Structure formats: structure tokens, C-alpha cells
Amino acid sequence: LSLSLSLSKMATAVPLVSQLSPETPLHAPKLTSLKSLAESGALTSIPSNYAYSTNPNELVGSDPEDTIPVIDFSLLTSGDSDQRSKIIQELGKACEEWGFFMLINHGVPECLMKAVMDGCAEFFNQTEEEKREFEGKHMWDPIRFGTSLNPKKDKVFFWRDFLKLLVHPEFHFPHKPTGFSEVAFEYCKRTRKLARDLLKAISESLGLEECYIEKTMDLDSSYQVFNTNLYPLCPQPELAIGLPAHADYALITFLTQNEIGGLQVKHNGEWFDVNVLPNAILVNTADHLEILSNGKYKSIMHRAVVNNKATRVSLAVSNGPSLDTIVSPAPKLVNSESHPPAYAPIKFKKSLELLFGPSKH
């Protein structure tokens, strides 16, 4: 990409999630969740404002011939240098060819993963009045419960409710349901440590110093977001969408879910259903890692489809640089002739403002 193209990309499509409609303050006096609508018993078809597709086959995914790579995190931390070297190569290949991989033996206790997913489900199971207490008025609010993306602006509504929280460098969290905040705090701390360790290995896989990403992205003040989504049963899942095709901002995203699938990943131009291994964490490379790697590791498009059999709950934890970090291609990965810089430097906060509008600070 030329520098002018990359500037254009930064202004219009980075993060790629900006293909979703931008958010503005919500002024509706009362928010009604999709869960309440879906469970009212009155729905035999979706309301017209939820009709995303007119082609029943558009949202069908297939099983890939090659499965999403599996990375054994324990081999990255083992004392065997040969094993570590081999797994770093596999990690680099997974980032370059897929942009998604399943992380196993990651050290986050199974009981903690279950507890945080149970907490997410319990939050959505609260009454409308209880949840409304945490309704966000502005995109940059550190605690924000809502439905779709922005009901005041969305032309087509997404079949989901969400709770989005800023959890680092400051931890913001609802005080209800009881115990959820404490469990989530521990989960966020564990996944933040996991992200740092994984980014060290990713740094090495790019041929950089182990601590290059950690230092240049100022991970001590990393911007970490906890985003849980509820996708209720849908009477016409072939016409509605949970989340349309998008890519993630930040460096890497960790995704977990209840036992219900719904994630689809675009690979080699085709959409594939993702079947996550039990207790694995699904990791995807995001926009700002694509910039840092000068395009070697891509931020891959993915989407969430819905079903008429069971409610899906997912949790995406986004791990980014600090807000004040200027993200640019690593100098070692730039060569003026064969690998010119594909992206213009940009402050992480500025890229979020391109997405979400000006911050309040």
C-alpha cells in the first residue's frame, strides 16, 4: 500500500469495525433490550428494522478444509528452546495466514472462565430496570449497556444486547449482579498478563526483540475493553445478523463463549463457521497489530450469526496499546524499496475517535 492509500485507510476504514455505523449519544428516555423483545412470546418473525438480509444463503458458513490453527501456550513458556522456537514459527504462520487461532493450555483457570461467562449471562438476566441503570449516554462512557449498536441511528438493528466496559488502565464495572465485578477483575488481570506474554512471542515471530511490542505500545497502561454480547433466539436467523462483518481495533482480541457457536471468519474469500475447542481462548490479530507489522499480520473480517435454538453469550476482551501511543510500522519491518511503510503513524486515541467520535476528555 502507498502512504496515501494508508492515510485514506486510516481515515475511512481503520479500525475496520468502522464499517459499522458510528455512535452518537443516546437520548431515548427508556432503553428496551432485545432480550425483552425476543422473550415476549409475541415474535413469530423478526421486526422489519432487524431485516439484514433478503438472501437466506448469505449468512451460511461452511467448514474449512484446513481448521483454524491451535497454539499450545504452555510450549511458549516451557524451558525447551527448540519447542519454543517451533511454536513461535507456528504462531507467526497462524497470524499471517489466518489472523485467528485457538489458544490452549493458556493458564486461565477453567473455573474462572466459567464464572465470568456465568456472570455475563446473569447480568443480561436482570430486569430491564436493573440493566437500564448502566445504559451508556456517550460512546466513551466507561460503562455502557445497550442494544444493537446505536438504536437512534441504526437503519438495520443488530440482533444483540451488549455490555461494554473499560477495564484498564482503570477498572470500571457494574456493581450488579453480586460478585460479577470481583470475578471479572481477576479474569481481566489474568488475560492482560496472557496478552503481554503472547505479544512477546508475536514480537519474536516478526523478527523483533521479545519486548518490542510491550515497550513501544506502553502495555503498562494498555487500553483493555470487556465486551460481552447476548444473542437471543431469533425466529428468522437467516434474515437477521448478530454483528455484521467487521475487524477489531487494538492489538489482539480474546474471545470466549458459552457452548453455543455463531462466530464466522472470512478466510481466503469464504466465510467459515468457527467451532471453538472446550476451554480454549480464540485469539484474533487486530487493526493496530496489522499496522505495527506493516501489513504482514492482517486484521481479519469476522461476524456473528444467530440461531433459533439457543441463546448465545460471548465475551470479547480487547487488548490495545495505551491511548497516547503512536502506532506505526516497526522500523525493522520497513524497507524503502521492497517493504515501504504501508500505514501512516497514528495515535491510538485518534484512531478510536475516527471510529467513535471525539472523546469527552
Protein backbone atom coordinates (compact mmCIF):
# COMPACT_ATOMS: atom_id res chain seq x y z
CA LEU A 1 0.00 0.00 0.00
CA SER A 2 1.19 3.50 -0.68
CA LEU A 3 1.35 6.01 2.14
CA SER A 4 -1.52 7.97 0.59
CA LEU A 5 -3.63 4.81 0.47
CA SER A 6 -2.81 4.02 4.07
CA LEU A 7 -3.80 7.53 5.12
CA SER A 8 -7.08 7.01 3.33
CA LYS A 9 -7.49 3.68 5.08
CA MET A 10 -6.82 5.24 8.45
CA ALA A 11 -9.38 7.97 7.79
CA THR A 12 -12.12 5.74 6.48
CA ALA A 13 -11.60 2.15 7.39
CA VAL A 14 -9.17 1.68 10.28
CA PRO A 15 -10.26 0.22 12.54
CA LEU A 16 -12.22 -1.82 10.04
CA VAL A 17 -15.01 -2.13 12.57
CA SER A 18 -15.82 1.43 11.47
CA GLN A 19 -17.88 -0.17 8.74
CA LEU A 20 -20.49 -0.41 11.47
CA SER A 21 -22.42 2.80 11.96
CA PRO A 22 -20.71 5.36 14.23
CA GLU A 23 -22.22 6.04 17.58
CA THR A 24 -23.62 9.27 18.95
CA PRO A 25 -25.12 9.98 22.36
CA LEU A 26 -28.34 8.13 23.04
CA HIS A 27 -31.29 10.30 24.04
CA ALA A 28 -34.07 7.72 24.23
CA PRO A 29 -35.73 8.07 27.62
CA LYS A 30 -36.03 4.30 28.05
CA LEU A 31 -33.95 1.55 26.55
CA THR A 32 -35.71 -1.74 25.85
CA SER A 33 -33.40 -4.70 25.43
CA LEU A 34 -33.65 -7.15 22.56
CA LYS A 35 -33.82 -9.93 25.14
CA SER A 36 -37.09 -8.49 26.45
CA LEU A 37 -38.49 -8.30 22.92
CA ALA A 38 -37.32 -11.79 21.93
CA GLU A 39 -38.71 -13.40 25.08
CA SER A 40 -42.07 -11.63 24.97
CA GLY A 41 -43.64 -14.62 23.22
CA ALA A 42 -45.17 -12.40 20.55
CA LEU A 43 -42.48 -12.88 17.90
CA THR A 44 -43.05 -15.32 15.05
CA SER A 45 -40.99 -13.24 12.62
CA ILE A 46 -38.38 -10.54 13.06
CA PRO A 47 -39.44 -6.87 13.11
CA SER A 48 -38.67 -5.16 9.79
CA ASN A 49 -35.92 -2.99 11.31
CA TYR A 50 -33.94 -6.18 12.08
CA ALA A 51 -34.04 -7.46 8.48
CA TYR A 52 -30.39 -7.52 7.47
CA SER A 53 -30.50 -9.92 4.55
CA THR A 54 -33.03 -10.89 1.90
CA ASN A 55 -30.91 -13.83 0.77
CA PRO A 56 -31.37 -16.87 3.06
CA ASN A 57 -28.00 -18.26 1.93
CA GLU A 58 -26.00 -15.09 2.53
CA LEU A 59 -25.22 -15.90 6.16
CA VAL A 60 -24.43 -19.58 5.69
CA GLY A 61 -20.87 -20.56 6.61
CA SER A 62 -19.01 -23.69 5.68
CA ASP A 63 -16.40 -25.86 7.38
CA PRO A 64 -12.88 -25.03 6.21
CA GLU A 65 -10.71 -27.73 4.72
CA ASP A 66 -7.92 -26.51 6.99
CA THR A 67 -9.01 -25.97 10.57
CA ILE A 68 -8.17 -22.80 12.47
CA PRO A 69 -4.66 -23.24 13.92
CA VAL A 70 -4.26 -24.37 17.53
CA ILE A 71 -1.42 -22.86 19.57
CA ASP A 72 -0.32 -24.57 22.79
CA PHE A 73 0.63 -21.66 25.04
CA SER A 74 2.41 -23.93 27.54
CA LEU A 75 5.08 -24.64 24.91
CA LEU A 76 5.85 -20.91 24.74
CA THR A 77 6.63 -20.85 28.43
CA SER A 78 8.44 -24.21 28.61
CA GLY A 79 12.17 -24.45 29.18
CA ASP A 80 12.73 -26.29 25.90
CA SER A 81 14.15 -23.72 23.46
CA ASP A 82 13.58 -25.96 20.43
CA GLN A 83 9.90 -26.40 21.29
CA ARG A 84 9.54 -22.68 21.92
CA SER A 85 11.20 -21.82 18.62
CA LYS A 86 8.89 -24.23 16.76
CA ILE A 87 5.73 -22.87 18.38
CA ILE A 88 6.79 -19.25 17.66
CA GLN A 89 7.08 -20.22 13.99
CA GLU A 90 3.62 -21.80 14.14
CA LEU A 91 2.27 -18.69 15.85
CA GLY A 92 3.68 -16.45 13.13
CA LYS A 93 2.18 -18.68 10.44
CA ALA A 94 -1.23 -18.58 12.19
CA CYS A 95 -1.13 -14.76 12.40
CA GLU A 96 -0.04 -14.40 8.79
CA GLU A 97 -2.29 -16.97 7.11
CA TRP A 98 -5.42 -16.87 9.31
CA GLY A 99 -5.37 -13.94 11.71
CA PHE A 100 -7.23 -16.25 14.10
CA PHE A 101 -6.07 -19.14 16.27
CA MET A 102 -7.22 -21.15 19.26
CA LEU A 103 -5.06 -20.86 22.36
CA ILE A 104 -4.97 -23.95 24.59
CA ASN A 105 -3.17 -24.59 27.92
CA HIS A 106 -3.22 -20.81 28.41
CA GLY A 107 -3.20 -20.88 32.21
CA VAL A 108 -6.53 -19.11 32.79
CA PRO A 109 -8.40 -21.49 35.11
CA GLU A 110 -11.43 -23.23 33.64
CA CYS A 111 -13.45 -22.37 36.77
CA LEU A 112 -12.64 -18.65 36.31
CA MET A 113 -13.67 -18.76 32.64
CA LYS A 114 -16.95 -20.43 33.60
CA ALA A 115 -17.56 -17.96 36.44
CA VAL A 116 -17.09 -14.91 34.21
CA MET A 117 -19.35 -16.34 31.49
CA ASP A 118 -21.99 -17.13 34.14
CA GLY A 119 -21.66 -13.54 35.36
CA CYS A 120 -22.24 -12.22 31.85
CA ALA A 121 -25.40 -14.33 31.50
CA GLU A 122 -26.62 -13.21 34.94
CA PHE A 123 -26.15 -9.56 34.01
CA PHE A 124 -28.39 -9.93 30.95
CA ASN A 125 -30.93 -11.88 33.01
CA GLN A 126 -31.53 -8.90 35.29
CA THR A 127 -34.71 -6.86 34.95
CA GLU A 128 -34.93 -4.06 32.38
CA GLU A 129 -34.85 -1.52 35.20
CA GLU A 130 -31.70 -3.00 36.73
CA LYS A 131 -29.86 -3.08 33.40
CA ARG A 132 -31.03 0.40 32.42
CA GLU A 133 -29.03 1.80 35.34
CA PHE A 134 -25.91 1.08 33.24
CA GLU A 135 -27.19 2.45 29.94
CA GLY A 136 -24.50 4.49 28.20
CA LYS A 137 -25.21 8.04 27.06
CA HIS A 138 -21.94 8.53 25.18
CA MET A 139 -19.65 6.24 23.22
CA TRP A 140 -16.74 6.94 25.55
CA ASP A 141 -18.68 6.16 28.74
CA PRO A 142 -16.62 3.55 30.61
CA ILE A 143 -19.78 1.53 31.47
CA ARG A 144 -22.29 1.09 28.69
CA PHE A 145 -25.22 -1.29 28.35
CA GLY A 146 -27.20 -1.17 25.13
CA THR A 147 -28.78 -2.99 22.22
CA SER A 148 -27.86 -3.20 18.52
CA LEU A 149 -25.12 -0.54 18.14
CA ASN A 150 -26.88 2.81 18.25
CA PRO A 151 -30.70 2.47 18.14
CA LYS A 152 -31.07 6.21 17.44
CA LYS A 153 -29.07 5.96 14.20
CA ASP A 154 -29.05 2.31 13.05
CA LYS A 155 -31.04 1.73 9.89
CA VAL A 156 -30.81 -2.00 10.45
CA PHE A 157 -30.71 -3.25 14.05
CA PHE A 158 -28.29 -5.99 15.12
CA TRP A 159 -29.76 -8.99 16.93
CA ARG A 160 -27.87 -8.49 20.19
CA ASP A 161 -27.70 -6.76 23.54
CA PHE A 162 -24.28 -5.74 24.83
CA LEU A 163 -22.36 -4.58 27.87
CA LYS A 164 -19.14 -2.72 27.06
CA LEU A 165 -16.71 -1.74 29.81
CA LEU A 166 -13.34 -0.04 30.08
CA VAL A 167 -11.35 -2.25 32.48
CA HIS A 168 -7.77 -0.92 32.12
CA PRO A 169 -5.88 1.27 32.90
CA GLU A 170 -8.83 1.93 35.24
CA PHE A 171 -11.32 -0.77 36.13
CA HIS A 172 -14.96 0.23 35.58
CA PHE A 173 -17.70 -2.32 36.21
CA PRO A 174 -21.38 -2.60 37.21
CA HIS A 175 -21.98 -3.34 40.86
CA LYS A 176 -24.70 -5.85 39.94
CA PRO A 177 -25.10 -8.81 39.86
CA THR A 178 -23.33 -9.53 43.15
CA GLY A 179 -19.85 -10.96 42.74
CA PHE A 180 -19.62 -10.34 38.99
CA SER A 181 -17.21 -7.42 39.35
CA GLU A 182 -14.76 -9.39 41.51
CA VAL A 183 -14.69 -12.37 39.13
CA ALA A 184 -14.30 -10.11 36.11
CA PHE A 185 -11.46 -8.16 37.75
CA GLU A 186 -9.49 -11.38 38.21
CA TYR A 187 -10.29 -12.51 34.65
CA CYS A 188 -9.17 -9.19 33.17
CA LYS A 189 -5.95 -9.26 35.18
CA ARG A 190 -5.19 -12.81 34.02
CA THR A 191 -5.97 -12.10 30.36
CA ARG A 192 -3.92 -8.90 30.44
CA LYS A 193 -0.90 -10.91 31.61
CA LEU A 194 -1.67 -13.53 28.97
CA ALA A 195 -1.84 -10.84 26.27
CA ARG A 196 1.55 -9.44 27.28
CA ASP A 197 3.17 -12.88 27.19
CA LEU A 198 1.54 -13.73 23.87
CA LEU A 199 2.59 -10.39 22.35
CA LYS A 200 6.20 -11.14 23.36
CA ALA A 201 6.01 -14.31 21.28
CA ILE A 202 4.28 -12.46 18.42
CA SER A 203 7.03 -9.84 18.59
CA GLU A 204 9.65 -12.60 18.21
CA SER A 205 7.70 -14.19 15.36
CA LEU A 206 8.04 -10.89 13.47
CA GLY A 207 11.80 -10.95 13.96
CA LEU A 208 11.66 -8.18 16.56
CA GLU A 209 13.04 -8.11 20.09
CA GLU A 210 10.86 -10.02 22.54
CA CYS A 211 9.83 -6.85 24.41
CA TYR A 212 9.47 -4.59 21.37
CA ILE A 213 5.64 -4.56 21.36
CA GLU A 214 5.44 -4.40 25.14
CA LYS A 215 7.67 -1.31 25.29
CA THR A 216 6.60 0.61 22.19
CA MET A 217 2.88 0.01 22.82
CA ASP A 218 3.19 1.03 26.51
CA LEU A 219 1.37 -2.07 27.74
CA ASP A 220 1.69 -0.96 31.38
CA SER A 221 -1.14 1.46 30.50
CA SER A 222 -2.82 -0.76 27.92
CA TYR A 223 -6.37 0.05 26.87
CA GLN A 224 -8.38 -3.06 27.72
CA VAL A 225 -12.11 -3.35 26.96
CA PHE A 226 -14.51 -6.04 28.23
CA ASN A 227 -17.35 -6.50 25.74
CA THR A 228 -20.00 -9.15 26.32
CA ASN A 229 -22.83 -9.81 23.86
CA LEU A 230 -26.12 -11.65 24.23
CA TYR A 231 -27.70 -13.09 21.08
CA PRO A 232 -31.24 -14.28 21.93
CA LEU A 233 -33.18 -16.91 19.98
CA CYS A 234 -34.21 -15.48 16.63
CA PRO A 235 -37.36 -16.63 14.77
CA GLN A 236 -35.72 -15.94 11.38
CA PRO A 237 -31.97 -16.33 11.85
CA GLU A 238 -31.33 -16.42 8.10
CA LEU A 239 -32.53 -12.79 7.81
CA ALA A 240 -31.05 -11.19 10.95
CA ILE A 241 -27.45 -10.57 11.97
CA GLY A 242 -25.85 -10.56 15.42
CA LEU A 243 -22.90 -8.43 14.29
CA PRO A 244 -22.12 -7.75 10.63
CA ALA A 245 -18.70 -8.26 9.07
CA HIS A 246 -16.06 -6.21 10.85
CA ALA A 247 -12.47 -6.28 12.06
CA ASP A 248 -11.31 -5.32 15.55
CA TYR A 249 -9.31 -2.32 16.70
CA ALA A 250 -6.36 -2.71 19.14
CA LEU A 251 -3.64 -5.39 19.05
CA ILE A 252 -5.31 -8.71 19.86
CA THR A 253 -8.77 -9.80 20.97
CA PHE A 254 -9.56 -12.78 23.22
CA LEU A 255 -12.95 -14.40 22.60
CA THR A 256 -14.80 -16.90 24.77
CA GLN A 257 -18.43 -18.01 24.62
CA ASN A 258 -20.97 -20.32 26.15
CA GLU A 259 -21.38 -23.66 24.38
CA ILE A 260 -23.36 -22.04 21.55
CA GLY A 261 -21.50 -21.17 18.34
CA GLY A 262 -22.17 -18.31 15.95
CA LEU A 263 -18.81 -16.83 15.02
CA GLN A 264 -17.84 -16.86 11.35
CA VAL A 265 -14.42 -15.91 9.98
CA LYS A 266 -13.55 -14.83 6.45
CA HIS A 267 -10.63 -16.86 5.11
CA ASN A 268 -9.44 -16.86 1.51
CA GLY A 269 -12.61 -15.05 0.47
CA GLU A 270 -15.05 -17.51 2.08
CA TRP A 271 -17.00 -17.46 5.33
CA PHE A 272 -16.32 -20.34 7.72
CA ASP A 273 -18.04 -21.41 10.92
CA VAL A 274 -15.70 -21.45 13.91
CA ASN A 275 -16.02 -24.38 16.30
CA VAL A 276 -14.02 -23.46 19.39
CA LEU A 277 -12.38 -26.23 21.42
CA PRO A 278 -13.63 -26.55 25.03
CA ASN A 279 -11.81 -24.16 27.39
CA ALA A 280 -9.77 -22.67 24.55
CA ILE A 281 -9.50 -18.92 24.02
CA LEU A 282 -9.97 -17.74 20.46
CA VAL A 283 -7.43 -15.07 19.57
CA ASN A 284 -7.53 -12.73 16.60
CA THR A 285 -5.00 -10.21 15.38
CA ALA A 286 -6.46 -6.71 15.23
CA ASP A 287 -6.01 -3.46 13.30
CA HIS A 288 -3.14 -1.96 15.27
CA LEU A 289 -1.09 -5.15 15.14
CA GLU A 290 -1.60 -5.06 11.37
CA ILE A 291 -0.15 -1.53 11.36
CA LEU A 292 2.77 -2.45 13.63
CA SER A 293 3.60 -5.49 11.46
CA ASN A 294 3.43 -3.30 8.32
CA GLY A 295 0.65 -5.48 6.96
CA LYS A 296 2.30 -8.86 7.48
CA TYR A 297 -0.32 -9.86 10.07
CA LYS A 298 -3.81 -8.93 8.89
CA SER A 299 -6.82 -7.82 10.88
CA ILE A 300 -9.36 -10.36 9.64
CA MET A 301 -13.06 -9.82 8.96
CA HIS A 302 -15.48 -11.80 11.11
CA ARG A 303 -19.18 -11.69 12.01
CA ALA A 304 -21.73 -13.17 14.43
CA VAL A 305 -24.74 -15.06 13.11
CA VAL A 306 -27.77 -16.04 15.18
CA ASN A 307 -29.97 -19.12 15.55
CA ASN A 308 -33.47 -20.20 16.60
CA LYS A 309 -32.41 -22.94 19.02
CA ALA A 310 -30.39 -21.46 21.87
CA THR A 311 -29.19 -18.13 23.28
CA ARG A 312 -25.52 -17.37 22.69
CA VAL A 313 -23.40 -15.34 25.10
CA SER A 314 -19.93 -14.23 24.03
CA LEU A 315 -17.15 -12.27 25.70
CA ALA A 316 -14.55 -10.37 23.70
CA VAL A 317 -11.68 -8.79 25.62
CA SER A 318 -9.80 -6.26 23.51
CA ASN A 319 -6.13 -5.63 24.36
CA GLY A 320 -4.67 -2.44 22.94
CA PRO A 321 -1.80 -0.02 23.40
CA SER A 322 -2.13 2.95 25.71
CA LEU A 323 -4.34 5.75 24.38
CA ASP A 324 -1.36 8.06 23.88
CA THR A 325 0.76 5.54 21.99
CA ILE A 326 1.57 6.42 18.38
CA VAL A 327 1.24 3.21 16.39
CA SER A 328 3.36 2.85 13.26
CA PRO A 329 5.10 0.04 11.36
CA ALA A 330 8.13 -1.30 13.24
CA PRO A 331 11.23 0.24 11.58
CA LYS A 332 12.83 -3.20 11.26
CA LEU A 333 9.89 -4.31 9.08
CA VAL A 334 10.18 -1.33 6.74
CA ASN A 335 12.47 -1.22 3.73
CA SER A 336 12.23 1.75 1.39
CA GLU A 337 12.32 -0.44 -1.72
CA SER A 338 10.87 -3.89 -1.01
CA HIS A 339 8.70 -3.08 2.04
CA PRO A 340 7.83 0.62 2.18
CA PRO A 341 5.68 1.80 5.10
CA ALA A 342 2.10 0.73 4.34
CA TYR A 343 0.49 2.81 7.11
CA ALA A 344 0.85 6.35 8.40
CA PRO A 345 1.64 6.69 12.12
CA ILE A 346 -1.45 7.39 14.19
CA LYS A 347 -2.11 7.92 17.88
CA PHE A 348 -4.27 5.08 19.21
CA LYS A 349 -6.74 7.52 20.75
CA LYS A 350 -7.08 9.34 17.42
CA SER A 351 -7.99 6.12 15.61
CA LEU A 352 -10.68 5.45 18.22
CA GLU A 353 -12.02 8.97 17.74
CA LEU A 354 -12.27 8.32 13.99
CA LEU A 355 -14.45 5.37 14.94
CA PHE A 356 -16.49 6.66 17.83
CA GLY A 357 -16.33 10.44 17.68
CA PRO A 358 -14.46 12.86 19.97
CA SER A 359 -13.78 11.73 23.49
CA LYS A 360 -15.10 13.73 26.42
CA HIS A 361 -11.58 14.40 27.71
